[in-house]
Amino acid sequence: QSCVRRGAGAGSMDSCARFGVVDEADVGVVSFVSSSPGCGGVLKSVPEDFVVSEIRSSGEVVQLPTTVAKADEKACDNSDLLTFVLHKKGVDTLEALAQISQLSCVASSRFGIAGIKDSWAVTTQDVTAWGVRVGVIQAAIKDLEHIQAAGFQPADKMLRPGHNYGNRFKLRLRNIEKGQELRLGPIFRHLREHGFVNYIGLQRFGKAGVRSPDVGRAILQQDYVRCVETILLPERHEKLKIREAPWVETWMRTGNANAALRAGVPQRAWVERRLLETIAASYTQSGHDAATVPNWEEICRRAFLGLPKNIRCIYVHSYLDKLWNLAATDRLRLSPDKILVGDWVCIGYPCSMDRAVMVKTDEEAAEYCIQDLVLPRLGHDVELPGNELAILMRQYLQYDGLSFEDLWYEAGEDTVELLRTTLRHVISRPEDLHWRVGPDPDDDAFVHVKCTFNLRTGQYATMVMREVMSTKPRHPPVARHVVFSDSD
């Protein structure tokens, strides 16, 4: 259903406000590259306005095959590992694979992907599957209108996050007021030349009332009761109707997992369903309800560790991504367009610690541009910048009662996984950027723009379009961190 809002001049990233739970400033998204306001408009009025195609490491854009290659499918039956193209609409990648997993009775851990694609979009990407027959997947999706799978072939290795070049985006921006189209050329040309602040997008930080960074912080603190409660007791949000779900109200009122499951947990809430099913099984074993069940902390731990490892890892990374956004804003507050002594810099991609250089002198700083600036996403092995930003990054963790030694999580029973440092450019440029302005077919008072561009893996089109759309006043960023003094 279309949810186009006329006159949304402030620049709405998601006109339906279907899933978001955080505001930009809550997760450090404050700065802009351009000092001029954007053109307004509405993005994601319908999924077809946001089309995403994965780009393989070879540079080839993934497309859904129009014909079925029977020979390749037969070859897949003789291979333990296969690859196929997943095409979906209205669900994110993890939700789509969870549905396939449930309908095929195949563990979700048998599927591999290079990245998670948006839910309110039409997306195409590669998926690998280990130990699964082609016919099993085809049978699972045959009645699903929003999910297609084709192009089955034998594969050499499982896909992992980041095992791709990036993504190709085809976007339509609606509801731009007439007269603003004169500004679109300069806005897009500035974007092409100078880039955008490479923030982690808001979709990374939660939906349906669940703040993913809060879950991630609780994981690092090994507070599994808070993990479960944050997911099963989503906060109130004026944009969301999640509180009206019968299963949520039942769980809030009774604390009884069996009763909540009987109230009907929708397919989309598969994480919540899995937690409740594990808790309900604990009731059966103990013969108690939630209010009196013994060792509630251990039951929550087992329920949470029963979630797929990649899901738990996403929660942890969401917390670290929030800290990265805060650090990026604070770094741009120090100098928005120049490299400073103590900065980490890296020219080009891929960006890694063995290719990065710490700037030692003002003369060295002058040799680099702001697009070379990189910041570490915190890990146990982090090497912080050699300037005052390092103090701020330590304080982020201290404020949450954590230290670098706490950057690990339980991967399973009796196993832990250390969180490793990765580097990310602070300012990035979209590649192969093109745009075209046309009249709005539904209203003569507006125009729309269609744009296409490529982004590297891990970059967010919503952050690109924020630079184009947002009409907020663009002042130098104000730090939102808490500063500790030596006397504290």
Protein backbone atom coordinates (compact mmCIF):
# COMPACT_ATOMS: atom_id res chain seq x y z
CA GLN A 1 0.00 0.00 0.00
CA SER A 2 1.31 3.43 -0.92
CA CYS A 3 1.75 5.85 1.94
CA VAL A 4 2.78 8.94 -0.04
CA ARG A 5 2.54 12.10 2.05
CA ARG A 6 2.18 15.36 0.17
CA GLY A 7 4.29 18.28 1.24
CA ALA A 8 6.79 16.28 3.29
CA GLY A 9 9.31 19.00 2.74
CA ALA A 10 11.57 18.14 5.65
CA GLY A 11 12.85 15.13 3.76
CA SER A 12 11.30 11.88 4.93
CA MET A 13 13.48 8.81 4.63
CA ASP A 14 10.59 6.42 5.06
CA SER A 15 7.17 7.90 4.40
CA CYS A 16 5.41 5.06 6.18
CA ALA A 17 7.66 5.19 9.27
CA ARG A 18 7.04 1.47 9.39
CA PHE A 19 9.97 0.10 11.29
CA GLY A 20 12.29 2.77 12.72
CA VAL A 21 12.65 3.26 16.45
CA VAL A 22 15.48 5.79 16.77
CA ASP A 23 16.01 9.36 15.68
CA GLU A 24 19.16 10.45 13.90
CA ALA A 25 20.66 12.30 16.86
CA ASP A 26 20.08 9.27 19.14
CA VAL A 27 22.71 7.33 17.20
CA GLY A 28 25.14 10.14 16.41
CA VAL A 29 23.87 11.03 12.92
CA VAL A 30 24.31 14.79 13.05
CA SER A 31 26.85 16.13 10.53
CA PHE A 32 26.58 16.90 6.81
CA VAL A 33 29.23 17.42 4.15
CA SER A 34 27.30 20.16 2.36
CA SER A 35 26.47 23.37 4.19
CA SER A 36 23.39 23.95 2.00
CA PRO A 37 19.99 22.44 2.94
CA GLY A 38 18.55 19.68 0.80
CA CYS A 39 15.52 19.64 -1.49
CA GLY A 40 13.03 17.81 0.75
CA GLY A 41 10.87 15.05 -0.69
CA VAL A 42 9.85 11.55 0.32
CA LEU A 43 11.86 8.36 -0.10
CA LYS A 44 10.46 4.81 0.14
CA SER A 45 6.84 5.70 -0.51
CA VAL A 46 6.52 2.17 -1.89
CA PRO A 47 9.12 -0.63 -2.00
CA GLU A 48 9.52 -0.13 -5.76
CA ASP A 49 11.00 3.33 -5.04
CA PHE A 50 14.03 1.65 -3.44
CA VAL A 51 15.57 -1.01 -5.69
CA VAL A 52 18.82 -2.65 -4.57
CA SER A 53 20.98 -5.08 -6.57
CA GLU A 54 24.07 -6.60 -5.03
CA ILE A 55 27.37 -6.19 -6.85
CA ARG A 56 29.61 -9.25 -6.75
CA SER A 57 33.33 -8.97 -5.97
CA SER A 58 33.91 -9.33 -9.72
CA GLY A 59 31.92 -6.13 -10.34
CA GLU A 60 28.95 -7.98 -11.87
CA VAL A 61 25.51 -6.75 -10.80
CA VAL A 62 23.31 -9.59 -9.50
CA GLN A 63 20.13 -10.10 -11.51
CA LEU A 64 17.30 -12.59 -11.19
CA PRO A 65 17.63 -15.09 -14.06
CA THR A 66 14.68 -15.10 -16.44
CA THR A 67 15.24 -18.73 -17.50
CA VAL A 68 15.85 -21.84 -15.44
CA ALA A 69 19.08 -23.70 -16.15
CA LYS A 70 18.12 -27.33 -15.57
CA ALA A 71 21.68 -28.57 -16.07
CA ASP A 72 22.98 -26.34 -13.30
CA GLU A 73 20.24 -27.45 -10.94
CA LYS A 74 21.09 -31.10 -11.58
CA ALA A 75 24.75 -30.34 -10.91
CA CYS A 76 23.72 -28.78 -7.59
CA ASP A 77 22.34 -32.12 -6.41
CA ASN A 78 25.88 -33.50 -6.62
CA SER A 79 27.36 -30.58 -4.67
CA ASP A 80 27.29 -29.97 -0.93
CA LEU A 81 27.30 -26.20 -1.47
CA LEU A 82 25.11 -24.23 -3.85
CA THR A 83 24.46 -20.60 -4.65
CA PHE A 84 21.27 -18.94 -5.86
CA VAL A 85 19.80 -15.50 -6.45
CA LEU A 86 17.29 -14.27 -3.87
CA HIS A 87 14.76 -11.65 -4.98
CA LYS A 88 12.43 -10.23 -2.34
CA LYS A 89 10.09 -7.39 -1.43
CA GLY A 90 8.72 -6.17 1.91
CA VAL A 91 11.01 -8.23 4.18
CA ASP A 92 14.68 -7.91 5.02
CA THR A 93 17.16 -10.63 4.11
CA LEU A 94 17.18 -12.28 7.53
CA GLU A 95 13.38 -12.37 7.62
CA ALA A 96 13.27 -13.91 4.14
CA LEU A 97 15.81 -16.59 5.05
CA ALA A 98 13.99 -17.26 8.32
CA GLN A 99 10.82 -17.97 6.35
CA ILE A 100 12.68 -20.26 3.96
CA SER A 101 14.34 -21.96 6.91
CA GLN A 102 11.04 -22.58 8.70
CA LEU A 103 9.19 -23.79 5.61
CA SER A 104 12.03 -26.07 4.46
CA CYS A 105 12.99 -27.32 7.96
CA VAL A 106 16.57 -26.29 7.21
CA ALA A 107 18.63 -24.52 9.89
CA SER A 108 19.21 -20.85 9.12
CA SER A 109 22.93 -21.36 9.84
CA ARG A 110 23.16 -23.29 6.55
CA PHE A 111 22.60 -20.10 4.54
CA GLY A 112 25.30 -17.53 3.82
CA ILE A 113 24.96 -13.93 2.61
CA ALA A 114 27.27 -11.02 1.89
CA GLY A 115 24.93 -8.42 3.39
CA ILE A 116 21.45 -7.69 4.75
CA LYS A 117 19.17 -5.85 2.35
CA ASP A 118 16.38 -3.48 3.42
CA SER A 119 12.85 -4.68 4.10
CA TRP A 120 10.89 -1.75 2.58
CA ALA A 121 12.56 -2.25 -0.79
CA VAL A 122 12.86 -4.55 -3.80
CA THR A 123 16.23 -6.30 -3.56
CA THR A 124 18.29 -8.92 -5.38
CA GLN A 125 21.33 -10.69 -3.95
CA ASP A 126 23.34 -13.90 -3.87
CA VAL A 127 22.78 -16.55 -1.21
CA THR A 128 24.76 -19.72 -0.53
CA ALA A 129 23.29 -22.84 1.05
CA TRP A 130 25.16 -25.82 2.48
CA GLY A 131 23.70 -29.31 2.40
CA VAL A 132 20.37 -28.22 0.90
CA ARG A 133 18.71 -29.55 -2.25
CA VAL A 134 17.39 -27.19 -4.89
CA GLY A 135 13.95 -28.78 -4.76
CA VAL A 136 13.69 -28.18 -1.01
CA ILE A 137 14.16 -24.43 -1.43
CA GLN A 138 11.84 -24.26 -4.42
CA ALA A 139 9.12 -26.11 -2.53
CA ALA A 140 9.50 -23.79 0.46
CA ILE A 141 8.94 -20.59 -1.54
CA LYS A 142 6.43 -21.77 -4.14
CA ASP A 143 3.51 -20.07 -2.36
CA LEU A 144 5.42 -16.93 -1.30
CA GLU A 145 4.63 -13.98 -3.55
CA HIS A 146 7.25 -11.72 -1.99
CA ILE A 147 10.23 -14.11 -2.29
CA GLN A 148 11.77 -15.67 -5.41
CA ALA A 149 14.84 -17.86 -5.82
CA ALA A 150 16.50 -18.83 -9.11
CA GLY A 151 19.85 -19.35 -10.79
CA PHE A 152 20.91 -22.33 -8.68
CA GLN A 153 24.53 -23.37 -9.25
CA PRO A 154 27.26 -25.26 -7.38
CA ALA A 155 29.42 -22.96 -5.23
CA ASP A 156 33.02 -23.07 -4.03
CA LYS A 157 32.66 -21.32 -0.66
CA MET A 158 30.06 -19.88 1.69
CA LEU A 159 29.26 -16.20 1.44
CA ARG A 160 30.13 -14.12 4.49
CA PRO A 161 29.37 -10.49 5.36
CA GLY A 162 31.48 -8.19 3.22
CA HIS A 163 32.20 -10.80 0.53
CA ASN A 164 30.97 -8.50 -2.22
CA TYR A 165 31.86 -5.22 -3.90
CA GLY A 166 28.77 -3.38 -2.76
CA ASN A 167 25.30 -2.54 -4.08
CA ARG A 168 23.67 -0.80 -7.03
CA PHE A 169 20.76 1.49 -6.08
CA LYS A 170 17.89 2.74 -8.21
CA LEU A 171 15.85 5.21 -6.18
CA ARG A 172 12.86 7.43 -6.75
CA LEU A 173 12.48 10.56 -4.62
CA ARG A 174 8.90 11.89 -4.64
CA ASN A 175 7.06 15.00 -3.47
CA ILE A 176 9.71 17.59 -4.27
CA GLU A 177 8.04 20.99 -4.42
CA LYS A 178 8.17 22.72 -7.76
CA GLY A 179 10.99 25.25 -7.84
CA GLN A 180 13.27 23.01 -5.81
CA GLU A 181 14.24 21.14 -8.99
CA LEU A 182 16.51 24.08 -9.88
CA ARG A 183 18.64 23.16 -6.85
CA LEU A 184 18.87 19.45 -7.63
CA GLY A 185 21.72 19.79 -10.13
CA PRO A 186 24.04 21.65 -7.71
CA ILE A 187 23.06 19.30 -4.84
CA PHE A 188 23.87 16.14 -6.79
CA ARG A 189 27.05 17.60 -8.29
CA HIS A 190 28.27 18.53 -4.79
CA LEU A 191 27.45 14.99 -3.65
CA ARG A 192 29.38 13.50 -6.57
CA GLU A 193 32.45 15.62 -5.90
CA HIS A 194 32.56 15.88 -2.11
CA GLY A 195 30.57 12.85 -0.91
CA PHE A 196 28.51 12.23 2.21
CA VAL A 197 29.12 11.43 5.87
CA ASN A 198 29.44 7.64 5.84
CA TYR A 199 27.26 7.02 8.90
CA ILE A 200 25.80 3.62 9.64
CA GLY A 201 22.13 3.94 8.63
CA LEU A 202 19.23 4.09 11.05
CA GLN A 203 17.86 0.72 9.90
CA ARG A 204 20.83 -0.85 11.65
CA PHE A 205 19.62 0.36 15.05
CA GLY A 206 16.29 -1.37 15.44
CA LYS A 207 12.69 -1.67 14.43
CA ALA A 208 9.31 -2.66 15.86
CA GLY A 209 10.12 -0.88 19.11
CA VAL A 210 13.38 -2.77 19.81
CA ARG A 211 16.53 -0.67 20.14
CA SER A 212 19.27 -2.96 18.87
CA PRO A 213 22.17 -1.01 20.49
CA ASP A 214 20.56 -1.51 23.91
CA VAL A 215 20.45 -5.27 23.28
CA GLY A 216 24.06 -5.22 22.10
CA ARG A 217 25.25 -3.36 25.19
CA ALA A 218 23.42 -5.86 27.42
CA ILE A 219 25.14 -8.74 25.58
CA LEU A 220 28.56 -7.25 26.31
CA GLN A 221 27.52 -6.84 29.95
CA GLN A 222 26.26 -10.47 29.93
CA ASP A 223 22.89 -9.24 31.16
CA TYR A 224 20.66 -11.70 29.33
CA VAL A 225 17.56 -10.82 31.32
CA ARG A 226 17.79 -7.30 29.91
CA CYS A 227 18.44 -8.73 26.42
CA VAL A 228 15.22 -10.74 26.56
CA GLU A 229 13.17 -7.97 28.17
CA THR A 230 14.37 -5.37 25.64
CA ILE A 231 13.22 -7.58 22.76
CA LEU A 232 9.98 -8.89 24.26
CA LEU A 233 8.93 -5.64 25.92
CA PRO A 234 9.46 -3.04 23.17
CA GLU A 235 9.27 0.59 24.17
CA ARG A 236 6.34 2.79 23.33
CA HIS A 237 6.80 4.87 20.21
CA GLU A 238 4.21 7.20 18.77
CA LYS A 239 4.95 6.02 15.21
CA LEU A 240 4.52 2.33 15.98
CA LYS A 241 1.54 0.08 16.60
CA ILE A 242 3.60 -2.74 18.06
CA ARG A 243 2.06 -2.30 21.51
CA GLU A 244 -1.32 -3.22 20.05
CA ALA A 245 -0.13 -6.72 19.12
CA PRO A 246 -2.11 -9.24 21.21
CA TRP A 247 0.93 -11.36 22.01
CA VAL A 248 2.81 -8.32 23.38
CA GLU A 249 -0.10 -7.34 25.60
CA THR A 250 -0.45 -10.93 26.81
CA TRP A 251 3.24 -11.20 27.63
CA MET A 252 3.22 -7.85 29.44
CA ARG A 253 0.16 -8.79 31.47
CA THR A 254 0.95 -12.42 32.35
CA GLY A 255 4.65 -13.05 31.76
CA ASN A 256 3.53 -16.44 30.40
CA ALA A 257 5.32 -17.48 27.20
CA ASN A 258 2.76 -20.17 26.32
CA ALA A 259 -0.08 -17.67 26.59
CA ALA A 260 1.80 -15.16 24.45
CA LEU A 261 2.41 -17.81 21.77
CA ARG A 262 -1.26 -18.80 21.80
CA ALA A 263 -2.16 -15.13 21.24
CA GLY A 264 -0.40 -15.39 17.87
CA VAL A 265 3.13 -14.13 17.18
CA PRO A 266 3.34 -12.97 13.54
CA GLN A 267 5.83 -14.41 11.07
CA ARG A 268 7.77 -11.15 10.97
CA ALA A 269 8.51 -11.38 14.72
CA TRP A 270 10.49 -14.61 14.38
CA VAL A 271 13.16 -13.58 16.90
CA GLU A 272 10.48 -12.91 19.50
CA ARG A 273 8.77 -16.20 18.67
CA ARG A 274 11.99 -18.15 19.09
CA LEU A 275 12.69 -16.57 22.48
CA LEU A 276 9.17 -17.32 23.68
CA GLU A 277 9.35 -20.92 22.45
CA THR A 278 12.58 -21.51 24.36
CA ILE A 279 11.16 -19.91 27.51
CA ALA A 280 7.97 -21.97 27.15
CA ALA A 281 10.04 -25.14 26.90
CA SER A 282 11.72 -24.15 30.15
CA TYR A 283 8.28 -23.86 31.78
CA THR A 284 7.50 -27.40 30.68
CA GLN A 285 10.73 -28.70 32.15
CA SER A 286 10.35 -26.83 35.43
CA GLY A 287 6.56 -26.79 35.80
CA HIS A 288 6.53 -23.10 36.71
CA ASP A 289 5.37 -19.85 35.18
CA ALA A 290 7.64 -16.86 34.60
CA ALA A 291 6.75 -15.25 37.93
CA THR A 292 7.99 -18.23 39.96
CA VAL A 293 10.31 -20.14 37.64
CA PRO A 294 13.67 -20.90 39.29
CA ASN A 295 16.87 -19.39 37.89
CA TRP A 296 15.20 -16.93 35.57
CA GLU A 297 18.60 -15.49 34.66
CA GLU A 298 19.78 -18.85 33.29
CA ILE A 299 16.56 -19.37 31.35
CA CYS A 300 17.01 -15.96 29.70
CA ARG A 301 20.63 -16.80 28.93
CA ARG A 302 19.71 -20.08 27.26
CA ALA A 303 16.85 -18.49 25.36
CA PHE A 304 19.04 -15.71 24.03
CA LEU A 305 21.97 -17.98 23.16
CA GLY A 306 19.44 -20.12 21.32
CA LEU A 307 19.10 -17.38 18.71
CA PRO A 308 21.30 -17.80 15.61
CA LYS A 309 24.81 -16.55 16.18
CA ASN A 310 24.62 -14.08 13.29
CA ILE A 311 21.57 -12.41 14.87
CA ARG A 312 23.32 -11.99 18.22
CA CYS A 313 26.38 -10.65 16.42
CA ILE A 314 24.22 -8.05 14.64
CA TYR A 315 22.96 -6.78 18.01
CA VAL A 316 26.53 -6.40 19.31
CA HIS A 317 27.69 -4.66 16.15
CA SER A 318 24.70 -2.32 16.35
CA TYR A 319 26.01 -1.04 19.69
CA LEU A 320 29.54 -0.61 18.27
CA ASP A 321 28.11 1.07 15.16
CA LYS A 322 26.36 3.61 17.35
CA LEU A 323 29.69 4.41 19.01
CA TRP A 324 31.31 4.74 15.56
CA ASN A 325 28.67 7.26 14.50
CA LEU A 326 29.25 9.27 17.67
CA ALA A 327 33.00 9.21 17.04
CA ALA A 328 32.56 10.31 13.42
CA THR A 329 30.48 13.31 14.52
CA ASP A 330 33.01 14.26 17.19
CA ARG A 331 35.86 13.92 14.70
CA LEU A 332 34.14 16.21 12.19
CA ARG A 333 33.53 18.66 15.03
CA LEU A 334 37.31 18.89 15.45
CA SER A 335 37.84 19.63 11.75
CA PRO A 336 35.21 19.02 9.07
CA ASP A 337 37.45 19.19 6.01
CA LYS A 338 41.09 18.65 7.01
CA ILE A 339 43.21 15.75 8.21
CA LEU A 340 44.70 16.21 11.70
CA VAL A 341 47.83 14.87 13.31
CA GLY A 342 46.95 11.55 14.95
CA ASP A 343 44.26 10.63 12.41
CA TRP A 344 44.18 7.24 10.75
CA VAL A 345 44.07 7.52 6.95
CA CYS A 346 43.64 4.96 4.20
CA ILE A 347 43.55 5.61 0.47
CA GLY A 348 40.98 3.56 -1.41
CA TYR A 349 39.37 0.19 -0.67
CA PRO A 350 39.49 -2.26 0.96
CA CYS A 351 40.38 -0.47 4.14
CA SER A 352 42.30 -2.46 6.75
CA MET A 353 44.81 -1.85 9.52
CA ASP A 354 47.70 -3.19 7.41
CA ARG A 355 46.95 -0.52 4.77
CA ALA A 356 46.14 2.35 7.14
CA VAL A 357 48.64 4.99 8.25
CA MET A 358 48.59 7.21 11.33
CA VAL A 359 49.46 10.82 10.48
CA LYS A 360 52.44 11.99 12.51
CA THR A 361 53.07 15.60 11.39
CA ASP A 362 51.27 18.58 9.89
CA GLU A 363 53.30 18.06 6.72
CA GLU A 364 51.97 14.51 6.41
CA ALA A 365 48.42 15.70 7.12
CA ALA A 366 48.62 18.08 4.16
CA GLU A 367 49.26 15.13 1.84
CA TYR A 368 45.81 13.62 2.46
CA CYS A 369 42.24 14.74 1.85
CA ILE A 370 39.24 14.32 4.15
CA GLN A 371 37.98 11.38 2.04
CA ASP A 372 41.05 9.43 3.24
CA LEU A 373 40.04 9.72 6.91
CA VAL A 374 39.10 6.43 8.60
CA LEU A 375 37.95 5.59 12.10
CA PRO A 376 38.07 2.22 13.86
CA ARG A 377 34.93 0.42 14.92
CA LEU A 378 35.90 -0.59 18.42
CA GLY A 379 37.24 -4.06 19.08
CA HIS A 380 39.42 -5.73 21.69
CA ASP A 381 42.50 -5.11 19.50
CA VAL A 382 41.71 -1.48 18.64
CA GLU A 383 44.43 1.05 17.91
CA LEU A 384 42.83 4.40 18.69
CA PRO A 385 43.65 7.65 16.88
CA GLY A 386 46.63 9.54 18.25
CA ASN A 387 44.72 12.69 19.12
CA GLU A 388 41.99 13.85 21.51
CA LEU A 389 39.38 11.71 19.75
CA ALA A 390 40.91 8.68 21.49
CA ILE A 391 39.88 10.12 24.86
CA LEU A 392 36.31 10.53 23.68
CA MET A 393 36.12 6.99 22.29
CA ARG A 394 37.27 5.57 25.62
CA GLN A 395 34.65 7.64 27.41
CA TYR A 396 31.84 6.20 25.27
CA LEU A 397 32.59 2.77 26.72
CA GLN A 398 33.22 4.06 30.24
CA TYR A 399 29.85 5.79 30.28
CA ASP A 400 28.20 2.42 29.57
CA GLY A 401 30.28 0.64 32.22
CA LEU A 402 32.46 -1.16 29.67
CA SER A 403 36.11 -1.33 28.68
CA PHE A 404 38.02 -2.70 25.70
CA GLU A 405 38.53 -5.95 27.64
CA ASP A 406 34.73 -6.43 27.58
CA LEU A 407 34.50 -6.50 23.78
CA TRP A 408 33.66 -10.18 23.40
CA TYR A 409 30.46 -12.20 23.52
CA GLU A 410 29.33 -15.75 24.11
CA ALA A 411 29.19 -17.51 20.74
CA GLY A 412 27.73 -20.63 22.35
CA GLU A 413 28.05 -22.88 25.36
CA ASP A 414 31.60 -22.58 26.72
CA THR A 415 32.82 -20.59 23.68
CA VAL A 416 33.45 -16.88 23.30
CA GLU A 417 34.23 -14.71 20.30
CA LEU A 418 36.43 -11.63 20.44
CA LEU A 419 35.19 -8.57 18.57
CA ARG A 420 37.85 -7.43 16.15
CA THR A 421 38.51 -3.89 15.01
CA THR A 422 37.49 -2.79 11.53
CA LEU A 423 38.11 0.53 9.80
CA ARG A 424 35.52 2.68 8.02
CA HIS A 425 35.88 5.84 5.93
CA VAL A 426 34.23 8.89 7.50
CA ILE A 427 33.50 10.59 4.16
CA SER A 428 32.66 8.56 1.05
CA ARG A 429 31.57 9.32 -2.49
CA PRO A 430 28.83 7.43 -4.35
CA GLU A 431 30.12 5.85 -7.55
CA ASP A 432 28.57 6.16 -11.02
CA LEU A 433 25.99 8.68 -9.78
CA HIS A 434 23.27 9.79 -12.25
CA TRP A 435 19.94 11.58 -11.77
CA ARG A 436 16.95 12.65 -13.80
CA VAL A 437 14.18 15.07 -12.82
CA GLY A 438 10.62 14.67 -14.08
CA PRO A 439 7.06 15.83 -13.35
CA ASP A 440 5.12 14.05 -10.64
CA PRO A 441 2.44 12.01 -12.44
CA ASP A 442 0.07 12.35 -9.50
CA ASP A 443 0.32 16.07 -8.66
CA ASP A 444 1.37 19.05 -10.77
CA ALA A 445 2.63 20.86 -7.65
CA PHE A 446 5.51 18.42 -7.27
CA VAL A 447 8.35 16.89 -9.22
CA HIS A 448 10.27 13.69 -8.64
CA VAL A 449 13.85 12.62 -9.25
CA LYS A 450 15.17 9.19 -10.20
CA CYS A 451 18.78 8.51 -9.29
CA THR A 452 21.17 5.60 -9.60
CA PHE A 453 24.52 5.03 -7.92
CA ASN A 454 26.84 2.37 -6.51
CA LEU A 455 28.00 2.10 -2.91
CA ARG A 456 30.74 -0.04 -1.41
CA THR A 457 29.83 -2.84 0.96
CA GLY A 458 28.57 -1.61 4.32
CA GLN A 459 27.52 1.82 3.05
CA TYR A 460 23.93 3.10 3.30
CA ALA A 461 21.90 4.73 0.55
CA THR A 462 19.70 6.43 3.16
CA MET A 463 22.78 8.33 4.35
CA VAL A 464 23.48 9.41 0.77
CA MET A 465 19.92 10.62 0.32
CA ARG A 466 19.99 12.37 3.70
CA GLU A 467 22.61 14.68 2.20
CA VAL A 468 20.25 15.37 -0.73
CA MET A 469 16.93 15.59 1.11
CA SER A 470 17.32 16.96 4.61
CA THR A 471 16.15 20.56 4.98
CA LYS A 472 17.38 20.85 8.56
CA PRO A 473 19.68 23.82 9.32
CA ARG A 474 23.27 22.67 8.92
CA HIS A 475 25.34 23.94 11.79
CA PRO A 476 28.70 22.58 12.97
CA PRO A 477 28.03 19.40 14.97
CA VAL A 478 27.74 19.63 18.73
CA ALA A 479 29.29 16.79 20.70
CA ARG A 480 26.74 14.60 22.51
CA HIS A 481 29.22 12.63 24.59
CA VAL A 482 29.67 12.75 28.36
CA VAL A 483 33.05 14.11 29.39
CA PHE A 484 34.69 12.70 32.52
CA SER A 485 37.16 14.76 34.49
CA ASP A 486 40.06 13.43 36.56
CA SER A 487 38.12 14.29 39.70
CA ASP A 488 35.14 12.04 38.83
